[in-house]
Protein backbone atom coordinates (compact mmCIF):
# COMPACT_ATOMS: atom_id res chain seq x y z
CA MET A 1 82.04 157.68 134.08
CA ASP A 2 79.84 159.99 136.17
CA ILE A 3 81.87 163.15 136.71
CA TYR A 4 79.28 164.44 139.20
CA ARG A 5 79.37 161.37 141.40
CA ILE A 6 80.02 162.08 145.08
CA ASN A 7 82.38 159.58 146.68
CA THR A 8 82.00 158.38 150.25
CA PRO A 9 84.90 158.92 152.66
CA GLU A 10 85.31 155.14 152.83
CA GLU A 11 85.80 154.91 149.08
CA LEU A 12 88.52 157.56 149.10
CA LEU A 13 90.36 156.57 152.28
CA LYS A 14 89.79 152.98 153.39
CA ASP A 15 92.22 151.26 151.01
CA ASN A 16 94.74 154.11 150.75
CA THR A 17 97.53 153.58 153.27
CA TYR A 18 99.07 157.00 152.73
CA PRO A 19 97.21 159.99 151.27
CA GLY A 20 99.51 162.11 153.47
CA ARG A 21 97.94 165.32 154.72
CA GLY A 22 94.40 166.15 153.60
CA ILE A 23 91.94 169.05 153.53
CA ILE A 24 88.18 168.72 153.05
CA ILE A 25 85.82 171.68 152.63
CA GLY A 26 82.11 171.47 151.92
CA LYS A 27 78.52 172.07 152.99
CA THR A 28 76.19 169.88 155.03
CA PRO A 29 73.29 168.14 153.24
CA ASP A 30 70.74 170.30 155.06
CA GLY A 31 72.51 173.43 153.83
CA THR A 32 72.87 174.97 157.28
CA LYS A 33 76.59 174.56 157.96
CA ALA A 34 79.98 174.90 156.34
CA MET A 35 82.52 172.24 157.21
CA THR A 36 86.24 171.81 156.98
CA ALA A 37 88.50 168.99 158.05
CA TYR A 38 92.26 168.63 158.17
CA PHE A 39 94.23 165.48 158.92
CA ILE A 40 97.90 164.57 159.09
CA MET A 41 99.66 161.25 158.64
CA GLY A 42 103.30 160.24 158.99
CA ARG A 43 105.74 157.48 158.16
CA SER A 44 108.83 158.62 160.11
CA ASP A 45 109.22 158.85 163.88
CA ASN A 46 109.70 162.62 163.52
CA SER A 47 106.40 163.01 161.64
CA ARG A 48 104.50 160.72 163.98
CA ASN A 49 105.65 162.62 167.05
CA ARG A 50 102.88 165.22 166.74
CA ILE A 51 99.50 166.26 168.08
CA PHE A 52 96.95 168.93 167.21
CA THR A 53 96.13 171.61 169.75
CA GLU A 54 93.40 174.26 169.53
CA LYS A 55 93.96 177.70 171.07
CA ASN A 56 91.46 180.55 170.72
CA GLY A 57 89.94 179.02 167.60
CA GLU A 58 93.30 178.42 165.92
CA VAL A 59 94.78 174.96 165.38
CA PHE A 60 98.46 174.11 165.67
CA THR A 61 100.65 171.07 165.21
CA GLU A 62 102.89 170.53 168.21
CA PRO A 63 105.37 167.83 169.23
CA PHE A 64 103.95 165.07 171.40
CA ASP A 65 107.36 164.49 172.98
CA ALA A 66 109.53 167.61 172.60
CA SER A 67 112.68 165.66 173.48
CA LYS A 68 112.31 163.55 170.33
CA VAL A 69 111.93 166.37 167.79
CA GLN A 70 114.54 166.01 165.04
CA ASP A 71 113.54 168.74 162.54
CA PRO A 72 110.58 171.02 163.36
CA SER A 73 110.75 173.07 160.15
CA LEU A 74 108.11 171.20 158.13
CA ILE A 75 106.04 169.58 160.85
CA ILE A 76 105.30 172.36 163.37
CA TYR A 77 102.98 175.14 162.15
CA ALA A 78 99.59 176.85 162.46
CA ALA A 79 97.17 174.73 160.44
CA ILE A 80 94.00 176.83 160.86
CA ARG A 81 93.66 180.59 161.37
CA SER A 82 90.95 183.19 160.77
CA PHE A 83 91.21 186.62 159.24
CA GLY A 84 88.06 188.72 159.03
CA ASN A 85 85.36 186.56 157.45
CA ASN A 86 87.92 184.07 156.11
CA LEU A 87 88.89 180.71 157.60
CA ILE A 88 92.30 179.48 156.40
CA VAL A 89 93.44 175.84 156.52
CA THR A 90 96.74 174.53 155.15
CA ASN A 91 99.33 171.79 155.56
CA GLY A 92 102.22 174.10 156.49
CA ASN A 93 103.41 177.54 157.47
CA GLN A 94 101.77 178.99 154.36
CA THR A 95 98.80 179.46 156.70
CA ASP A 96 100.67 182.50 157.97
CA THR A 97 101.58 183.54 154.42
CA ILE A 98 97.89 183.65 153.45
CA TYR A 99 96.97 185.43 156.69
CA ASP A 100 99.62 188.10 156.13
CA GLY A 101 98.64 188.40 152.47
CA LEU A 102 95.00 189.04 153.33
CA LYS A 103 96.11 191.71 155.81
CA ASP A 104 98.00 193.37 152.97
CA GLY A 105 94.97 193.28 150.66
CA LYS A 106 96.06 190.31 148.55
CA THR A 107 93.82 187.53 147.33
CA PHE A 108 94.20 183.90 148.42
CA SER A 109 96.03 182.90 145.24
CA ALA A 110 98.16 186.05 145.10
CA ALA A 111 99.37 185.48 148.66
CA LEU A 112 100.56 182.00 147.69
CA GLU A 113 102.60 183.28 144.75
CA SER A 114 105.55 183.67 147.11
CA ARG A 115 105.48 179.99 148.13
CA GLU A 116 106.14 176.65 146.48
CA PHE A 117 106.24 172.92 147.34
CA GLU A 118 108.19 171.74 150.38
CA PRO A 119 111.99 171.29 149.99
CA ASP A 120 111.94 167.60 150.97
CA GLY A 121 113.23 165.91 147.82
CA PRO A 122 112.75 163.38 146.36
CA ASN A 123 109.11 163.65 147.52
CA PHE A 124 108.76 167.44 147.11
CA THR A 125 105.58 167.38 149.17
CA PRO A 126 102.92 169.72 147.74
CA ARG A 127 101.64 172.61 149.78
CA ILE A 128 97.86 172.31 149.94
CA SER A 129 95.66 175.15 151.19
CA GLY A 130 92.01 176.04 151.53
CA MET A 131 90.01 179.11 152.51
CA LEU A 132 86.34 179.57 153.35
CA THR A 133 84.91 183.08 152.92
CA PHE A 134 81.66 183.78 154.77
CA GLY A 135 79.01 186.36 153.93
CA ASN A 136 75.26 186.91 153.43
CA GLY A 137 74.33 183.72 155.26
CA ASP A 138 76.47 181.52 153.02
CA PHE A 139 80.07 181.01 151.98
CA THR A 140 82.37 180.27 149.07
CA TYR A 141 85.64 178.40 149.19
CA GLN A 142 88.93 178.02 147.38
CA MET A 143 91.55 175.29 147.35
CA SER A 144 95.14 175.39 146.16
CA ILE A 145 98.00 173.01 145.48
CA LEU A 146 101.59 174.03 144.79
CA LYS A 147 103.58 171.10 143.44
CA SER A 148 106.80 170.26 141.68
CA ALA A 149 106.78 170.38 137.89
CA ASP A 150 109.28 167.51 137.61
CA ALA A 151 111.18 164.86 139.57
CA GLU A 152 114.06 167.26 140.21
CA GLY A 153 112.01 170.04 141.81
CA SER A 154 113.22 172.54 139.24
CA ALA A 155 109.93 174.49 138.97
CA CYS A 156 106.60 174.92 140.77
CA ASN A 157 103.16 174.44 139.22
CA ARG A 158 100.29 176.30 140.90
CA PHE A 159 96.62 175.33 140.79
CA THR A 160 93.72 177.19 142.45
CA TYR A 161 90.10 175.97 142.48
CA SER A 162 87.12 178.14 143.41
CA TYR A 163 83.79 176.67 144.49
CA ALA A 164 80.20 177.67 145.10
CA PRO A 165 79.00 175.31 147.88
CA LEU A 166 76.37 172.66 147.17
CA ASN A 167 74.42 170.83 149.85
CA GLY A 168 76.04 167.53 150.81
CA LEU A 169 79.12 168.06 148.65
CA GLY A 170 82.70 168.53 149.81
CA HIS A 171 86.00 168.70 147.99
CA PHE A 172 89.01 166.74 149.19
CA ILE A 173 92.64 167.49 148.33
CA HIS A 174 95.59 165.59 149.75
CA THR A 175 99.33 165.69 149.33
CA TYR A 176 99.90 162.23 147.87
CA VAL A 177 98.11 159.78 145.61
CA CYS A 178 99.18 156.85 147.79
CA ASP A 179 102.25 155.40 149.47
CA GLY A 180 105.47 154.96 147.50
CA ASN A 181 109.15 155.80 147.32
CA PRO A 182 109.26 158.56 146.30
CA ILE A 183 105.66 159.25 147.25
CA PRO A 184 103.54 160.17 144.20
CA THR A 185 102.14 163.69 144.30
CA PHE A 186 98.36 164.29 144.22
CA GLN A 187 97.01 164.54 140.66
CA GLY A 188 93.98 166.27 139.12
CA GLU A 189 91.17 168.28 140.67
CA PRO A 190 90.13 167.95 144.31
CA GLU A 191 87.96 164.87 144.76
CA ARG A 192 84.22 165.08 145.34
CA ILE A 193 83.37 163.72 148.78
CA ALA A 194 80.16 163.30 150.76
CA VAL A 195 79.61 165.50 153.82
CA SER A 196 77.50 164.50 156.82
CA ASP A 197 75.02 166.74 158.67
CA ASP A 198 76.43 165.52 161.98
CA ILE A 199 79.94 166.56 163.03
CA ASP A 200 80.44 163.49 165.20
CA ASP A 201 79.47 161.19 162.35
CA MET A 202 81.83 163.00 159.96
CA THR A 203 84.69 162.89 162.45
CA ASP A 204 84.14 159.23 163.21
CA ILE A 205 83.96 158.11 159.59
CA LEU A 206 87.10 160.02 158.62
CA TRP A 207 89.14 158.80 161.57
CA LYS A 208 88.07 155.17 161.19
CA ASN A 209 89.01 155.11 157.51
CA LEU A 210 92.46 156.68 157.84
CA ASN A 211 95.19 154.04 157.90
CA GLU A 212 95.69 152.91 161.49
CA GLN A 213 99.48 152.76 161.32
CA ASN A 214 100.04 156.10 159.62
CA LYS A 215 97.30 158.40 160.92
CA ILE A 216 98.30 161.00 163.49
CA SER A 217 95.65 163.69 164.03
CA LEU A 218 92.31 164.94 162.71
CA TYR A 219 90.47 168.22 163.19
CA VAL A 220 86.90 168.90 162.03
CA ARG A 221 85.00 172.20 162.28
CA TYR A 222 81.36 172.98 161.42
CA VAL A 223 80.21 176.61 161.17
CA ASP A 224 76.52 177.54 161.38
CA LEU A 225 75.81 179.77 158.39
CA LYS A 226 72.99 181.61 160.15
CA THR A 227 74.60 182.34 163.51
CA GLY A 228 78.32 181.94 162.78
CA ALA A 229 78.65 179.58 165.75
CA ALA A 230 81.46 177.06 165.33
CA GLU A 231 81.69 173.52 166.65
CA SER A 232 84.84 171.45 166.45
CA ARG A 233 86.23 167.98 167.09
CA LEU A 234 89.90 167.12 167.60
CA VAL A 235 91.35 163.61 167.58
CA ASN A 236 94.98 162.73 168.35
CA LYS A 237 96.45 159.26 168.10
CA ASN A 238 99.10 160.27 170.62
CA LYS A 239 97.40 160.90 173.93
């Protein structure tokens, strides 16, 4: 087994009907850009009734049809926000927790100490988070998962991973291993995934390989490490 092998997006997504919500962070092969991607999927009508919107560089989940919203508590939130030289991406309202923690001088992991997995038993969906920190023409990044320690949700296990970026390499963390009932929680370290130099190519390959029935929205952002200029792509199944 080659522990340094970089998987293609197809290998990690094509045959997986339900990885849930996913975050990818990495660096382009040419070394000039940082990238992050966030996607959401859903099995229920409430979960599927969503779109991504981008406002002033921040990304939000919003209802597609407001009249059909059943419970907004776990599906409507800011997914991407910036604070200083940090770009935050998460699968829930812990985006705001990290943002407020940074304002108070806390680290990424310390800010998340106040949070745990989602209260949606029996799945107990993990909270996954990432943060890119830019400086000196480069960046570093961290990823976190907060997940239930047992089937009853009686305790929370916390894992934080810190990375120095390598050209062409991304790390991919998602909420679930695959579909199921209950849905099995993501296991192990974030997966190594190939990153493309071209944002349109990366967006296209991710969207095409997410399960057609369950995919909802995808957002991809590339940041030029020399100029700081950002380019983004947003895809919604509901239009």
